[in-house]
């Protein structure tokens, strides 16, 4: 997943806000830095540390890259 993939999954302004809040919480950027960057750039910060797991309408599921293998060990994936 790259920043453009994540950005394209954002359907609502509230989701943009949550992306920026996550960047602050993870100390990827300060509030002042986030105030001057685009939404795509904010998504780029997130994709450095997170992997997109699912996206359905109003929800996006992200998992920290350190925990992706743990997640895949917990779930069963059924495909054709």
Protein backbone atom coordinates (compact mmCIF):
# COMPACT_ATOMS: atom_id res chain seq x y z
CA UNK A 1 0.00 0.00 0.00
CA UNK A 2 1.24 3.46 -0.78
CA UNK A 3 -0.02 6.88 0.29
CA UNK A 4 -2.20 7.26 -2.80
CA UNK A 5 -3.97 3.94 -2.10
CA UNK A 6 -4.76 5.03 1.44
CA UNK A 7 -5.84 8.50 0.31
CA UNK A 8 -8.24 7.00 -2.25
CA UNK A 9 -9.94 5.04 0.56
CA UNK A 10 -10.75 8.21 2.52
CA UNK A 11 -14.39 9.05 1.86
CA UNK A 12 -15.13 11.63 4.55
CA UNK A 13 -13.49 14.68 6.11
CA UNK A 14 -13.63 12.97 9.50
CA UNK A 15 -11.39 10.24 8.13
CA UNK A 16 -8.83 12.84 7.04
CA UNK A 17 -8.89 14.23 10.56
CA UNK A 18 -8.34 10.77 12.07
CA UNK A 19 -5.36 10.15 9.77
CA UNK A 20 -3.76 13.35 11.03
CA UNK A 21 -4.60 12.50 14.67
CA UNK A 22 -2.93 9.11 14.22
CA UNK A 23 0.18 10.81 12.82
CA UNK A 24 0.34 13.05 15.90
CA UNK A 25 -0.33 10.18 18.32
CA UNK A 26 2.43 8.10 16.70
CA UNK A 27 4.74 11.15 16.76
CA UNK A 28 5.24 11.02 13.01
CA UNK A 29 4.77 14.80 12.78
CA UNK A 30 3.85 17.72 14.97
CA UNK A 31 0.52 19.53 14.71
CA UNK A 32 2.31 22.48 13.13
CA UNK A 33 3.88 20.25 10.47
CA UNK A 34 0.56 18.55 9.73
CA UNK A 35 -1.12 21.92 9.31
CA UNK A 36 1.08 22.66 6.31
CA UNK A 37 1.01 19.35 4.43
CA UNK A 38 -1.53 17.87 2.05
CA UNK A 39 -3.75 14.90 2.85
CA UNK A 40 -1.66 12.73 0.55
CA UNK A 41 1.47 13.68 2.48
CA UNK A 42 -0.30 12.87 5.76
CA UNK A 43 -1.21 9.48 4.32
CA UNK A 44 2.43 8.98 3.35
CA UNK A 45 3.42 9.42 7.00
CA UNK A 46 0.92 6.74 8.02
CA UNK A 47 1.95 4.25 5.33
CA UNK A 48 5.52 4.32 6.62
CA UNK A 49 4.37 2.52 9.78
CA UNK A 50 0.95 1.04 8.99
CA UNK A 51 -0.50 -1.48 6.57
CA UNK A 52 -4.01 -1.19 5.17
CA UNK A 53 -5.93 -4.33 6.13
CA UNK A 54 -9.46 -3.47 5.05
CA UNK A 55 -11.56 -0.61 3.76
CA UNK A 56 -15.32 -0.68 3.66
CA UNK A 57 -17.32 2.49 3.26
CA UNK A 58 -16.86 4.47 6.45
CA UNK A 59 -14.15 2.31 8.00
CA UNK A 60 -10.48 1.76 7.26
CA UNK A 61 -8.53 -0.91 9.12
CA UNK A 62 -4.84 -0.25 9.67
CA UNK A 63 -2.34 -2.45 11.49
CA UNK A 64 1.12 -1.39 12.59
CA UNK A 65 3.66 -3.07 10.32
CA UNK A 66 5.25 -4.73 13.38
CA UNK A 67 1.96 -6.56 14.02
CA UNK A 68 0.97 -7.66 10.51
CA UNK A 69 2.35 -11.19 10.91
CA UNK A 70 0.55 -11.57 14.24
CA UNK A 71 -2.70 -10.55 12.58
CA UNK A 72 -2.27 -13.02 9.72
CA UNK A 73 -1.63 -15.77 12.28
CA UNK A 74 -4.94 -14.94 13.95
CA UNK A 75 -7.20 -14.84 10.91
CA UNK A 76 -8.21 -17.35 8.29
CA UNK A 77 -8.36 -16.00 4.77
CA UNK A 78 -10.76 -17.74 2.44
CA UNK A 79 -10.51 -17.05 -1.23
CA UNK A 80 -11.46 -18.87 -4.37
